[in-house]
Amino acid sequence: MDKSDLAFDSVLSSRTTDRRIALIVFPVVLVLAAIVAFAAVSISRMSGLQDQVKIAQRQAEESQKAADDKDRQLTAAKGEASALGSAGQGAAVLAPAQAGSGMNGVAIYHPESKLLNLFAYNLAPAPEGQEYRLVVTDGQGQEQLVQAPVAPDDRGAAHLLARDLPEGLSRVEVALVPKQGTGAAAAQGTGAGGAPAAAQGQQKPAERETVMVGQLPKPGEAGVVMPRPPETPRAQGRARR
């Protein structure tokens, strides 16, 4: 055999070996590429699923929070309904600060629920820039102005349910004060719904005009406290003696 035949056989053998290697390597490369592609798709899907899980968790938390808020509101409403369905500790009959004005009212106190139910009658329309407000006084003489206004209708009747009141109330007053957002009331700011404000709700005597006032039963006592009748001239003379 000459050298040309040996070289040709060597070339054929080399090509055959390369083909065999290619037949083995190419499928392996394809399998690895498929595995990598599958892993990439799986990771992408997992990332998408994680995002969906997080969104679902946030929605569940928001739903739970909303349900808890509704439960608290329902519990508070049931507590108020139960308190308002009871006689409470007692009541104060409110008398007009000026005789002959015809204004009067009733305040029913529920200390266990920190509620006071006010009914006012024959209120004259409030002057421009003023409004009727409820002022409560505790046993230490600390006054607090309930932020919700006492708004009479066209017949002069008004109702107010004051919430979150301090304990041991002794006195109830309805007064004309500067309307919220005007004058001194704007400088003091406002509070929540029917809740009283301590420092913010204070009104100087010159800034308010009492129209009705009444006394509540003392702590531990129950009943209706009637307004004191005005003293007659004869009684005043006896008191001076």
C-alpha atoms as a PDB file:
ATOM      1  CA  MET A   1       0.000   0.000   0.000  1.00  0.00           C
ATOM      2  CA  ASP A   2       1.388   3.315  -1.013  1.00  0.00           C
ATOM      3  CA  LYS A   3       1.485   6.469   1.092  1.00  0.00           C
ATOM      4  CA  SER A   4      -1.472   8.083  -0.695  1.00  0.00           C
ATOM      5  CA  ASP A   5      -3.755   5.190   0.298  1.00  0.00           C
ATOM      6  CA  LEU A   6      -2.634   5.474   3.938  1.00  0.00           C
ATOM      7  CA  ALA A   7      -3.304   9.219   3.969  1.00  0.00           C
ATOM      8  CA  PHE A   8      -6.763   8.689   2.468  1.00  0.00           C
ATOM      9  CA  ASP A   9      -7.611   6.017   5.054  1.00  0.00           C
ATOM     10  CA  SER A  10      -6.454   8.402   7.817  1.00  0.00           C
ATOM     11  CA  VAL A  11      -8.685  11.181   6.528  1.00  0.00           C
ATOM     12  CA  LEU A  12     -11.683   8.854   6.355  1.00  0.00           C
ATOM     13  CA  SER A  13     -10.987   7.599   9.901  1.00  0.00           C
ATOM     14  CA  SER A  14     -10.714  11.162  11.210  1.00  0.00           C
ATOM     15  CA  ARG A  15     -13.976  12.220   9.581  1.00  0.00           C
ATOM     16  CA  THR A  16     -15.759   9.191  10.998  1.00  0.00           C
ATOM     17  CA  THR A  17     -14.473   9.988  14.491  1.00  0.00           C
ATOM     18  CA  ASP A  18     -15.591  13.626  14.174  1.00  0.00           C
ATOM     19  CA  ARG A  19     -19.033  12.531  13.101  1.00  0.00           C
ATOM     20  CA  ARG A  20     -19.299  10.191  16.047  1.00  0.00           C
ATOM     21  CA  ILE A  21     -18.239  12.957  18.427  1.00  0.00           C
ATOM     22  CA  ALA A  22     -20.711  15.331  16.809  1.00  0.00           C
ATOM     23  CA  LEU A  23     -23.517  12.782  17.126  1.00  0.00           C
ATOM     24  CA  ILE A  24     -22.757  12.515  20.857  1.00  0.00           C
ATOM     25  CA  VAL A  25     -22.009  16.156  21.638  1.00  0.00           C
ATOM     26  CA  PHE A  26     -24.862  17.810  19.724  1.00  0.00           C
ATOM     27  CA  PRO A  27     -27.651  15.911  21.521  1.00  0.00           C
ATOM     28  CA  VAL A  28     -25.971  16.649  24.849  1.00  0.00           C
ATOM     29  CA  VAL A  29     -25.771  20.341  23.962  1.00  0.00           C
ATOM     30  CA  LEU A  30     -29.412  20.324  22.903  1.00  0.00           C
ATOM     31  CA  VAL A  31     -30.447  18.625  26.141  1.00  0.00           C
ATOM     32  CA  LEU A  32     -28.440  21.146  28.194  1.00  0.00           C
ATOM     33  CA  ALA A  33     -29.960  24.022  26.234  1.00  0.00           C
ATOM     34  CA  ALA A  34     -33.434  22.603  26.824  1.00  0.00           C
ATOM     35  CA  ILE A  35     -32.694  22.215  30.549  1.00  0.00           C
ATOM     36  CA  VAL A  36     -31.428  25.804  30.761  1.00  0.00           C
ATOM     37  CA  ALA A  37     -34.474  27.111  28.877  1.00  0.00           C
ATOM     38  CA  PHE A  38     -36.816  25.086  31.081  1.00  0.00           C
ATOM     39  CA  ALA A  39     -35.047  26.365  34.203  1.00  0.00           C
ATOM     40  CA  ALA A  40     -35.330  29.955  32.973  1.00  0.00           C
ATOM     41  CA  VAL A  41     -39.053  29.531  32.256  1.00  0.00           C
ATOM     42  CA  SER A  42     -39.575  27.850  35.627  1.00  0.00           C
ATOM     43  CA  ILE A  43     -37.754  30.655  37.449  1.00  0.00           C
ATOM     44  CA  SER A  44     -39.815  33.238  35.580  1.00  0.00           C
ATOM     45  CA  ARG A  45     -43.001  31.404  36.451  1.00  0.00           C
ATOM     46  CA  MET A  46     -41.920  31.074  40.082  1.00  0.00           C
ATOM     47  CA  SER A  47     -41.187  34.796  40.220  1.00  0.00           C
ATOM     48  CA  GLY A  48     -44.614  35.522  38.750  1.00  0.00           C
ATOM     49  CA  LEU A  49     -46.244  33.155  41.240  1.00  0.00           C
ATOM     50  CA  GLN A  50     -44.402  34.825  44.108  1.00  0.00           C
ATOM     51  CA  ASP A  51     -45.677  38.211  42.949  1.00  0.00           C
ATOM     52  CA  GLN A  52     -49.201  36.832  42.746  1.00  0.00           C
ATOM     53  CA  VAL A  53     -48.860  35.327  46.222  1.00  0.00           C
ATOM     54  CA  LYS A  54     -47.672  38.664  47.614  1.00  0.00           C
ATOM     55  CA  ILE A  55     -50.584  40.468  45.956  1.00  0.00           C
ATOM     56  CA  ALA A  56     -52.996  37.875  47.325  1.00  0.00           C
ATOM     57  CA  GLN A  57     -51.492  38.253  50.804  1.00  0.00           C
ATOM     58  CA  ARG A  58     -51.862  42.049  50.662  1.00  0.00           C
ATOM     59  CA  GLN A  59     -55.456  41.708  49.508  1.00  0.00           C
ATOM     60  CA  ALA A  60     -56.145  39.231  52.301  1.00  0.00           C
ATOM     61  CA  GLU A  61     -54.588  41.581  54.869  1.00  0.00           C
ATOM     62  CA  GLU A  62     -56.647  44.507  53.563  1.00  0.00           C
ATOM     63  CA  SER A  63     -59.794  42.385  53.633  1.00  0.00           C
ATOM     64  CA  GLN A  64     -59.032  41.266  57.181  1.00  0.00           C
ATOM     65  CA  LYS A  65     -58.397  44.860  58.244  1.00  0.00           C
ATOM     66  CA  ALA A  66     -61.679  45.966  56.691  1.00  0.00           C
ATOM     67  CA  ALA A  67     -63.480  43.101  58.418  1.00  0.00           C
ATOM     68  CA  ASP A  68     -61.880  44.028  61.758  1.00  0.00           C
ATOM     69  CA  ASP A  69     -62.923  47.660  61.288  1.00  0.00           C
ATOM     70  CA  LYS A  70     -66.475  46.603  60.534  1.00  0.00           C
ATOM     71  CA  ASP A  71     -66.471  44.340  63.590  1.00  0.00           C
ATOM     72  CA  ARG A  72     -65.278  47.233  65.783  1.00  0.00           C
ATOM     73  CA  GLN A  73     -67.911  49.542  64.303  1.00  0.00           C
ATOM     74  CA  LEU A  74     -70.597  46.911  64.789  1.00  0.00           C
ATOM     75  CA  THR A  75     -69.482  46.294  68.378  1.00  0.00           C
ATOM     76  CA  ALA A  76     -69.473  50.030  69.086  1.00  0.00           C
ATOM     77  CA  ALA A  77     -72.899  50.424  67.471  1.00  0.00           C
ATOM     78  CA  LYS A  78     -74.285  47.539  69.543  1.00  0.00           C
ATOM     79  CA  GLY A  79     -72.793  49.074  72.686  1.00  0.00           C
ATOM     80  CA  GLU A  80     -74.341  52.446  71.893  1.00  0.00           C
ATOM     81  CA  ALA A  81     -77.702  50.868  71.071  1.00  0.00           C
ATOM     82  CA  SER A  82     -77.609  48.937  74.345  1.00  0.00           C
ATOM     83  CA  ALA A  83     -76.664  52.053  76.301  1.00  0.00           C
ATOM     84  CA  LEU A  84     -79.289  54.216  74.637  1.00  0.00           C
ATOM     85  CA  GLY A  85     -81.878  51.536  75.328  1.00  0.00           C
ATOM     86  CA  SER A  86     -81.182  51.837  79.053  1.00  0.00           C
ATOM     87  CA  ALA A  87     -82.168  54.557  81.499  1.00  0.00           C
ATOM     88  CA  GLY A  88     -78.545  55.491  82.172  1.00  0.00           C
ATOM     89  CA  GLN A  89     -77.337  56.900  85.467  1.00  0.00           C
ATOM     90  CA  GLY A  90     -79.731  59.811  85.345  1.00  0.00           C
ATOM     91  CA  ALA A  91     -80.675  62.956  83.553  1.00  0.00           C
ATOM     92  CA  ALA A  92     -80.395  66.707  83.796  1.00  0.00           C
ATOM     93  CA  VAL A  93     -83.306  68.937  82.925  1.00  0.00           C
ATOM     94  CA  LEU A  94     -81.812  71.984  81.234  1.00  0.00           C
ATOM     95  CA  ALA A  95     -83.265  75.346  82.101  1.00  0.00           C
ATOM     96  CA  PRO A  96     -82.857  78.548  80.089  1.00  0.00           C
ATOM     97  CA  ALA A  97     -80.166  80.932  81.207  1.00  0.00           C
ATOM     98  CA  GLN A  98     -82.550  83.821  80.506  1.00  0.00           C
ATOM     99  CA  ALA A  99     -86.020  83.504  81.917  1.00  0.00           C
ATOM    100  CA  GLY A 100     -88.769  83.690  79.328  1.00  0.00           C
ATOM    101  CA  SER A 101     -86.653  82.481  76.396  1.00  0.00           C
ATOM    102  CA  GLY A 102     -88.580  79.215  76.270  1.00  0.00           C
ATOM    103  CA  MET A 103     -85.447  77.149  75.665  1.00  0.00           C
ATOM    104  CA  ASN A 104     -85.259  73.833  77.499  1.00  0.00           C
ATOM    105  CA  GLY A 105     -83.843  70.375  77.154  1.00  0.00           C
ATOM    106  CA  VAL A 106     -82.912  67.034  78.676  1.00  0.00           C
ATOM    107  CA  ALA A 107     -79.461  65.398  78.898  1.00  0.00           C
ATOM    108  CA  ILE A 108     -79.328  61.665  79.691  1.00  0.00           C
ATOM    109  CA  TYR A 109     -75.945  60.475  80.959  1.00  0.00           C
ATOM    110  CA  HIS A 110     -74.482  56.990  80.391  1.00  0.00           C
ATOM    111  CA  PRO A 111     -71.169  57.021  82.293  1.00  0.00           C
ATOM    112  CA  GLU A 112     -70.412  53.325  81.696  1.00  0.00           C
ATOM    113  CA  SER A 113     -70.391  54.010  77.938  1.00  0.00           C
ATOM    114  CA  LYS A 114     -69.099  57.614  78.193  1.00  0.00           C
ATOM    115  CA  LEU A 115     -72.171  58.787  76.291  1.00  0.00           C
ATOM    116  CA  LEU A 116     -74.504  61.713  76.780  1.00  0.00           C
ATOM    117  CA  ASN A 117     -77.761  61.980  74.870  1.00  0.00           C
ATOM    118  CA  LEU A 118     -78.905  65.580  74.531  1.00  0.00           C
ATOM    119  CA  PHE A 119     -82.367  66.722  73.465  1.00  0.00           C
ATOM    120  CA  ALA A 120     -82.879  70.468  73.145  1.00  0.00           C
ATOM    121  CA  TYR A 121     -86.051  72.361  72.292  1.00  0.00           C
ATOM    122  CA  ASN A 122     -87.147  75.869  71.294  1.00  0.00           C
ATOM    123  CA  LEU A 123     -83.663  76.943  70.260  1.00  0.00           C
ATOM    124  CA  ALA A 124     -83.668  80.203  68.356  1.00  0.00           C
ATOM    125  CA  PRO A 125     -81.669  80.329  65.105  1.00  0.00           C
ATOM    126  CA  ALA A 126     -78.004  80.930  65.901  1.00  0.00           C
ATOM    127  CA  PRO A 127     -76.693  84.392  64.978  1.00  0.00           C
ATOM    128  CA  GLU A 128     -74.438  84.615  61.946  1.00  0.00           C
ATOM    129  CA  GLY A 129     -70.941  83.351  62.690  1.00  0.00           C
ATOM    130  CA  GLN A 130     -72.061  81.447  65.799  1.00  0.00           C
ATOM    131  CA  GLU A 131     -73.371  77.992  66.600  1.00  0.00           C
ATOM    132  CA  TYR A 132     -74.743  76.063  69.549  1.00  0.00           C
ATOM    133  CA  ARG A 133     -72.287  73.717  71.251  1.00  0.00           C
ATOM    134  CA  LEU A 134     -72.411  71.399  74.236  1.00  0.00           C
ATOM    135  CA  VAL A 135     -70.098  72.141  77.168  1.00  0.00           C
ATOM    136  CA  VAL A 136     -69.608  69.481  79.862  1.00  0.00           C
ATOM    137  CA  THR A 137     -67.980  69.930  83.248  1.00  0.00           C
ATOM    138  CA  ASP A 138     -66.500  67.158  85.407  1.00  0.00           C
ATOM    139  CA  GLY A 139     -66.389  66.943  89.193  1.00  0.00           C
ATOM    140  CA  GLN A 140     -63.110  68.893  89.332  1.00  0.00           C
ATOM    141  CA  GLY A 141     -64.603  71.815  87.424  1.00  0.00           C
ATOM    142  CA  GLN A 142     -62.726  71.091  84.189  1.00  0.00           C
ATOM    143  CA  GLU A 143     -64.762  72.184  81.179  1.00  0.00           C
ATOM    144  CA  GLN A 144     -64.640  70.544  77.789  1.00  0.00           C
ATOM    145  CA  LEU A 145     -66.302  71.661  74.594  1.00  0.00           C
ATOM    146  CA  VAL A 146     -67.872  68.894  72.508  1.00  0.00           C
ATOM    147  CA  GLN A 147     -66.787  69.491  68.932  1.00  0.00           C
ATOM    148  CA  ALA A 148     -70.004  68.398  67.213  1.00  0.00           C
ATOM    149  CA  PRO A 149     -72.457  71.316  66.995  1.00  0.00           C
ATOM    150  CA  VAL A 150     -75.981  71.285  68.395  1.00  0.00           C
ATOM    151  CA  ALA A 151     -77.887  72.005  65.199  1.00  0.00           C
ATOM    152  CA  PRO A 152     -81.582  72.903  65.651  1.00  0.00           C
ATOM    153  CA  ASP A 153     -84.113  72.194  62.931  1.00  0.00           C
ATOM    154  CA  ASP A 154     -86.757  74.598  61.674  1.00  0.00           C
ATOM    155  CA  ARG A 155     -88.814  73.923  64.809  1.00  0.00           C
ATOM    156  CA  GLY A 156     -85.892  74.698  67.119  1.00  0.00           C
ATOM    157  CA  ALA A 157     -85.387  71.082  68.192  1.00  0.00           C
ATOM    158  CA  ALA A 158     -81.949  69.452  68.231  1.00  0.00           C
ATOM    159  CA  HIS A 159     -80.425  66.113  69.187  1.00  0.00           C
ATOM    160  CA  LEU A 160     -76.781  65.287  69.868  1.00  0.00           C
ATOM    161  CA  LEU A 161     -75.145  62.054  70.951  1.00  0.00           C
ATOM    162  CA  ALA A 162     -71.823  63.008  72.547  1.00  0.00           C
ATOM    163  CA  ARG A 163     -69.246  60.210  72.703  1.00  0.00           C
ATOM    164  CA  ASP A 164     -65.991  59.548  74.561  1.00  0.00           C
ATOM    165  CA  LEU A 165     -66.811  61.915  77.393  1.00  0.00           C
ATOM    166  CA  PRO A 166     -64.742  62.078  80.591  1.00  0.00           C
ATOM    167  CA  GLU A 167     -65.903  60.334  83.726  1.00  0.00           C
ATOM    168  CA  GLY A 168     -67.722  62.003  86.554  1.00  0.00           C
ATOM    169  CA  LEU A 169     -69.628  64.687  84.676  1.00  0.00           C
ATOM    170  CA  SER A 170     -71.559  67.047  86.924  1.00  0.00           C
ATOM    171  CA  ARG A 171     -72.815  69.854  84.701  1.00  0.00           C
ATOM    172  CA  VAL A 172     -74.192  70.230  81.180  1.00  0.00           C
ATOM    173  CA  GLU A 173     -74.442  73.480  79.275  1.00  0.00           C
ATOM    174  CA  VAL A 174     -75.569  74.535  75.813  1.00  0.00           C
ATOM    175  CA  ALA A 175     -73.882  77.723  74.663  1.00  0.00           C
ATOM    176  CA  LEU A 176     -73.448  79.954  71.661  1.00  0.00           C
ATOM    177  CA  VAL A 177     -69.806  80.026  70.534  1.00  0.00           C
ATOM    178  CA  PRO A 178     -67.958  81.261  67.446  1.00  0.00           C
ATOM    179  CA  LYS A 179     -68.564  78.879  64.566  1.00  0.00           C
ATOM    180  CA  GLN A 180     -65.729  76.506  63.673  1.00  0.00           C
ATOM    181  CA  GLY A 181     -63.423  78.097  61.121  1.00  0.00           C
ATOM    182  CA  THR A 182     -64.130  81.648  62.283  1.00  0.00           C
ATOM    183  CA  GLY A 183     -62.515  83.781  64.926  1.00  0.00           C
ATOM    184  CA  ALA A 184     -61.128  82.045  67.981  1.00  0.00           C
ATOM    185  CA  ALA A 185     -62.530  78.692  66.877  1.00  0.00           C
ATOM    186  CA  ALA A 186     -60.280  78.716  63.798  1.00  0.00           C
ATOM    187  CA  ALA A 187     -57.201  79.280  65.944  1.00  0.00           C
ATOM    188  CA  GLN A 188     -58.178  76.425  68.246  1.00  0.00           C
ATOM    189  CA  GLY A 189     -58.847  73.845  65.552  1.00  0.00           C
ATOM    190  CA  THR A 190     -61.331  71.025  65.635  1.00  0.00           C
ATOM    191  CA  GLY A 191     -61.518  67.526  67.052  1.00  0.00           C
ATOM    192  CA  ALA A 192     -63.255  64.304  66.063  1.00  0.00           C
ATOM    193  CA  GLY A 193     -67.013  63.692  65.613  1.00  0.00           C
ATOM    194  CA  GLY A 194     -68.707  63.980  68.964  1.00  0.00           C
ATOM    195  CA  ALA A 195     -65.563  63.724  71.076  1.00  0.00           C
ATOM    196  CA  PRO A 196     -64.557  66.575  73.383  1.00  0.00           C
ATOM    197  CA  ALA A 197     -61.261  68.399  73.035  1.00  0.00           C
ATOM    198  CA  ALA A 198     -59.483  69.383  76.223  1.00  0.00           C
ATOM    199  CA  ALA A 199     -57.067  72.172  75.396  1.00  0.00           C
ATOM    200  CA  GLN A 200     -58.433  72.864  71.910  1.00  0.00           C
ATOM    201  CA  GLY A 201     -62.056  72.988  72.970  1.00  0.00           C
ATOM    202  CA  GLN A 202     -61.686  75.485  75.798  1.00  0.00           C
ATOM    203  CA  GLN A 203     -63.696  78.661  75.346  1.00  0.00           C
ATOM    204  CA  LYS A 204     -63.182  81.814  77.313  1.00  0.00           C
ATOM    205  CA  PRO A 205     -66.323  83.076  79.080  1.00  0.00           C
ATOM    206  CA  ALA A 206     -66.326  86.193  76.884  1.00  0.00           C
ATOM    207  CA  GLU A 207     -66.348  83.974  73.760  1.00  0.00           C
ATOM    208  CA  ARG A 208     -69.498  82.045  74.629  1.00  0.00           C
ATOM    209  CA  GLU A 209     -73.025  82.788  75.743  1.00  0.00           C
ATOM    210  CA  THR A 210     -74.786  80.198  77.873  1.00  0.00           C
ATOM    211  CA  VAL A 211     -78.363  79.570  76.755  1.00  0.00           C
ATOM    212  CA  MET A 212     -79.242  76.467  78.808  1.00  0.00           C
ATOM    213  CA  VAL A 213     -77.681  74.734  81.787  1.00  0.00           C
ATOM    214  CA  GLY A 214     -78.410  71.724  83.995  1.00  0.00           C
ATOM    215  CA  GLN A 215     -76.869  69.610  86.733  1.00  0.00           C
ATOM    216  CA  LEU A 216     -76.273  65.849  86.499  1.00  0.00           C
ATOM    217  CA  PRO A 217     -76.609  63.397  89.401  1.00  0.00           C
ATOM    218  CA  LYS A 218     -73.516  63.020  91.548  1.00  0.00           C
ATOM    219  CA  PRO A 219     -71.299  59.962  90.952  1.00  0.00           C
ATOM    220  CA  GLY A 220     -72.911  56.924  92.534  1.00  0.00           C
ATOM    221  CA  GLU A 221     -76.344  58.562  92.546  1.00  0.00           C
ATOM    222  CA  ALA A 222     -79.175  58.186  90.058  1.00  0.00           C
ATOM    223  CA  GLY A 223     -82.248  60.131  89.100  1.00  0.00           C
ATOM    224  CA  VAL A 224     -83.330  63.301  87.389  1.00  0.00           C
ATOM    225  CA  VAL A 225     -81.952  66.617  88.567  1.00  0.00           C
ATOM    226  CA  MET A 226     -84.478  69.384  88.110  1.00  0.00           C
ATOM    227  CA  PRO A 227     -83.403  72.990  87.600  1.00  0.00           C
ATOM    228  CA  ARG A 228     -83.478  75.213  90.623  1.00  0.00           C
ATOM    229  CA  PRO A 229     -86.463  77.582  90.620  1.00  0.00           C
ATOM    230  CA  PRO A 230     -85.566  81.263  90.480  1.00  0.00           C
ATOM    231  CA  GLU A 231     -85.542  82.999  93.812  1.00  0.00           C
ATOM    232  CA  THR A 232     -88.414  85.308  94.578  1.00  0.00           C
ATOM    233  CA  PRO A 233     -87.747  88.840  95.902  1.00  0.00           C
ATOM    234  CA  ARG A 234     -88.977  87.702  99.321  1.00  0.00           C
ATOM    235  CA  ALA A 235     -86.539  84.776  99.347  1.00  0.00           C
ATOM    236  CA  GLN A 236     -83.716  87.049  98.275  1.00  0.00           C
ATOM    237  CA  GLY A 237     -84.549  89.409 101.140  1.00  0.00           C
ATOM    238  CA  ARG A 238     -84.484  86.554 103.632  1.00  0.00           C
ATOM    239  CA  ALA A 239     -81.114  85.402 102.279  1.00  0.00           C
ATOM    240  CA  ARG A 240     -79.702  88.893 102.802  1.00  0.00           C
ATOM    241  CA  ARG A 241     -80.880  88.911 106.418  1.00  0.00           C
END
